[in-house]
Amino acid sequence: MVTTMMYHAHIEQDGEWWIGWLVDLPGVNAQEKTREGLIESLKIGAKDMLDYLEEKSREPDVVTVAMA
C-alpha cells in the first residue's frame, strides 16, 4: 500500500519566476519558470528532505523525546 503525504505549499509568481516553499517541511523551497515545474521541484525536495531525515534518525546520537 502506498501512503500519500500531503504538505501545504506557499507559492507565488515573482516576475518571470514561480517561487515557493513547504510550510509543513521547513527547508524545502524552490524556484522555477512554471507553476507546474515549481510544484514538481517541491515534491522532489520533500522526498529528498524526508530521506535525509530518515537517514539521520538512524544515527546513534539521535534520540526520540516524547513531548506533552
N, C-alpha and C. Protein backbone atom coordinates (compact mmCIF):
# COMPACT_ATOMS: atom_id res chain seq x y z
N MET A 1 0.84 -1.18 0.00
CA MET A 1 0.00 0.00 0.00
C MET A 1 0.89 1.25 0.00
N VAL A 2 0.57 2.20 -0.85
CA VAL A 2 1.32 3.44 -0.94
C VAL A 2 0.61 4.50 -0.10
N THR A 3 1.39 5.18 0.76
CA THR A 3 0.85 6.25 1.58
C THR A 3 1.14 7.58 0.91
N THR A 4 0.13 8.41 0.78
CA THR A 4 0.31 9.73 0.20
C THR A 4 0.42 10.75 1.32
N MET A 5 1.54 11.48 1.31
CA MET A 5 1.74 12.54 2.29
C MET A 5 1.26 13.85 1.66
N MET A 6 0.61 14.67 2.46
CA MET A 6 0.11 15.96 1.98
C MET A 6 0.83 17.07 2.74
N TYR A 7 1.33 18.06 2.03
CA TYR A 7 2.02 19.20 2.62
C TYR A 7 1.43 20.49 2.06
N HIS A 8 1.43 21.53 2.87
CA HIS A 8 0.97 22.84 2.44
C HIS A 8 2.14 23.59 1.82
N ALA A 9 1.92 24.14 0.63
CA ALA A 9 2.96 24.89 -0.05
C ALA A 9 2.51 26.34 -0.22
N HIS A 10 3.41 27.26 0.05
CA HIS A 10 3.17 28.67 -0.27
C HIS A 10 3.84 28.89 -1.62
N ILE A 11 3.05 29.30 -2.62
CA ILE A 11 3.62 29.56 -3.94
C ILE A 11 3.16 30.92 -4.42
N GLU A 12 4.03 31.59 -5.15
CA GLU A 12 3.67 32.89 -5.73
C GLU A 12 4.55 33.15 -6.94
N GLN A 13 4.03 33.99 -7.83
CA GLN A 13 4.80 34.37 -9.00
C GLN A 13 5.52 35.67 -8.69
N ASP A 14 6.81 35.73 -9.03
CA ASP A 14 7.63 36.92 -8.81
C ASP A 14 8.32 37.24 -10.14
N GLY A 15 7.72 38.14 -10.88
CA GLY A 15 8.23 38.44 -12.22
C GLY A 15 8.01 37.23 -13.12
N GLU A 16 9.10 36.76 -13.73
CA GLU A 16 9.00 35.59 -14.61
C GLU A 16 9.14 34.27 -13.87
N TRP A 17 9.41 34.32 -12.59
CA TRP A 17 9.67 33.10 -11.82
C TRP A 17 8.52 32.77 -10.88
N TRP A 18 8.35 31.48 -10.64
CA TRP A 18 7.47 30.99 -9.59
C TRP A 18 8.36 30.57 -8.43
N ILE A 19 8.03 31.02 -7.23
CA ILE A 19 8.79 30.66 -6.05
C ILE A 19 7.85 30.04 -5.03
N GLY A 20 8.40 29.16 -4.18
CA GLY A 20 7.55 28.55 -3.17
C GLY A 20 8.34 27.75 -2.16
N TRP A 21 7.66 27.40 -1.10
CA TRP A 21 8.25 26.59 -0.05
C TRP A 21 7.16 25.79 0.63
N LEU A 22 7.57 24.70 1.27
CA LEU A 22 6.62 23.87 2.01
C LEU A 22 6.51 24.41 3.44
N VAL A 23 5.32 24.78 3.82
CA VAL A 23 5.07 25.34 5.15
C VAL A 23 5.30 24.27 6.21
N ASP A 24 4.91 23.03 5.92
CA ASP A 24 4.96 21.94 6.89
C ASP A 24 6.31 21.22 6.94
N LEU A 25 7.21 21.56 6.04
CA LEU A 25 8.50 20.88 5.99
C LEU A 25 9.60 21.93 5.75
N PRO A 26 10.00 22.62 6.83
CA PRO A 26 10.99 23.69 6.70
C PRO A 26 12.25 23.22 5.98
N GLY A 27 12.78 24.10 5.16
CA GLY A 27 14.00 23.80 4.42
C GLY A 27 13.75 23.38 2.99
N VAL A 28 12.50 23.12 2.64
CA VAL A 28 12.18 22.73 1.27
C VAL A 28 11.62 23.95 0.54
N ASN A 29 12.38 24.45 -0.41
CA ASN A 29 11.94 25.60 -1.21
C ASN A 29 12.48 25.45 -2.62
N ALA A 30 11.89 26.21 -3.54
CA ALA A 30 12.31 26.08 -4.94
C ALA A 30 11.88 27.31 -5.72
N GLN A 31 12.45 27.44 -6.90
CA GLN A 31 12.01 28.44 -7.87
C GLN A 31 12.10 27.82 -9.26
N GLU A 32 11.10 28.09 -10.06
CA GLU A 32 11.04 27.54 -11.42
C GLU A 32 10.35 28.54 -12.33
N LYS A 33 10.47 28.32 -13.62
CA LYS A 33 9.85 29.20 -14.61
C LYS A 33 8.35 28.96 -14.75
N THR A 34 7.87 27.77 -14.35
CA THR A 34 6.44 27.48 -14.46
C THR A 34 5.90 27.01 -13.11
N ARG A 35 4.60 27.20 -12.92
CA ARG A 35 3.95 26.75 -11.69
C ARG A 35 4.06 25.23 -11.55
N GLU A 36 3.83 24.53 -12.65
CA GLU A 36 3.91 23.08 -12.64
C GLU A 36 5.32 22.61 -12.29
N GLY A 37 6.32 23.27 -12.86
CA GLY A 37 7.71 22.93 -12.56
C GLY A 37 8.03 23.17 -11.09
N LEU A 38 7.49 24.26 -10.54
CA LEU A 38 7.70 24.55 -9.12
C LEU A 38 7.12 23.45 -8.24
N ILE A 39 5.90 23.05 -8.53
CA ILE A 39 5.27 22.00 -7.72
C ILE A 39 6.06 20.71 -7.81
N GLU A 40 6.54 20.37 -8.99
CA GLU A 40 7.35 19.16 -9.15
C GLU A 40 8.66 19.27 -8.35
N SER A 41 9.30 20.43 -8.40
CA SER A 41 10.54 20.63 -7.63
C SER A 41 10.29 20.53 -6.13
N LEU A 42 9.15 21.05 -5.67
CA LEU A 42 8.82 20.94 -4.24
C LEU A 42 8.59 19.49 -3.84
N LYS A 43 7.97 18.70 -4.71
CA LYS A 43 7.78 17.28 -4.43
C LYS A 43 9.13 16.56 -4.31
N ILE A 44 10.03 16.86 -5.23
CA ILE A 44 11.37 16.25 -5.19
C ILE A 44 12.10 16.69 -3.93
N GLY A 45 12.01 17.97 -3.60
CA GLY A 45 12.65 18.49 -2.38
C GLY A 45 12.10 17.83 -1.13
N ALA A 46 10.79 17.61 -1.09
CA ALA A 46 10.18 16.96 0.07
C ALA A 46 10.70 15.53 0.21
N LYS A 47 10.76 14.80 -0.89
CA LYS A 47 11.26 13.43 -0.83
C LYS A 47 12.71 13.40 -0.36
N ASP A 48 13.52 14.31 -0.91
CA ASP A 48 14.93 14.37 -0.51
C ASP A 48 15.07 14.69 0.98
N MET A 49 14.28 15.64 1.47
CA MET A 49 14.34 16.02 2.88
C MET A 49 13.90 14.86 3.77
N LEU A 50 12.82 14.18 3.41
CA LEU A 50 12.34 13.07 4.22
C LEU A 50 13.34 11.91 4.22
N ASP A 51 13.97 11.65 3.08
CA ASP A 51 15.01 10.62 3.03
C ASP A 51 16.17 10.99 3.94
N TYR A 52 16.58 12.26 3.90
CA TYR A 52 17.67 12.74 4.75
C TYR A 52 17.32 12.60 6.23
N LEU A 53 16.10 13.02 6.59
CA LEU A 53 15.70 12.94 8.00
C LEU A 53 15.62 11.49 8.48
N GLU A 54 15.16 10.61 7.62
CA GLU A 54 15.10 9.19 7.98
C GLU A 54 16.50 8.64 8.20
N GLU A 55 17.41 8.99 7.31
CA GLU A 55 18.80 8.53 7.45
C GLU A 55 19.42 9.08 8.73
N LYS A 56 19.22 10.35 9.01
CA LYS A 56 19.78 10.96 10.22
C LYS A 56 19.20 10.34 11.49
N SER A 57 17.95 9.91 11.44
CA SER A 57 17.31 9.34 12.63
C SER A 57 17.91 8.00 13.03
N ARG A 58 18.66 7.39 12.14
CA ARG A 58 19.29 6.10 12.43
C ARG A 58 20.64 6.25 13.11
N GLU A 59 21.14 7.47 13.20
CA GLU A 59 22.45 7.70 13.81
C GLU A 59 22.35 7.48 15.32
N PRO A 60 23.40 6.95 15.94
CA PRO A 60 23.36 6.59 17.35
C PRO A 60 23.15 7.76 18.31
N ASP A 61 23.48 8.99 17.91
CA ASP A 61 23.32 10.11 18.81
C ASP A 61 21.95 10.79 18.69
N VAL A 62 21.03 10.20 17.93
CA VAL A 62 19.70 10.77 17.78
C VAL A 62 18.74 10.00 18.67
N VAL A 63 17.98 10.74 19.48
CA VAL A 63 17.00 10.10 20.38
C VAL A 63 15.63 10.69 20.10
N THR A 64 14.61 9.93 20.45
CA THR A 64 13.23 10.39 20.32
C THR A 64 12.76 10.85 21.70
N VAL A 65 12.20 12.03 21.77
CA VAL A 65 11.75 12.59 23.04
C VAL A 65 10.25 12.83 22.95
N ALA A 66 9.50 12.30 23.91
CA ALA A 66 8.05 12.50 23.96
C ALA A 66 7.76 13.88 24.51
N MET A 67 6.90 14.62 23.85
CA MET A 67 6.51 15.96 24.29
C MET A 67 5.03 15.92 24.67
N ALA A 68 4.70 16.50 25.79
CA ALA A 68 3.31 16.52 26.24
C ALA A 68 2.64 17.81 25.81
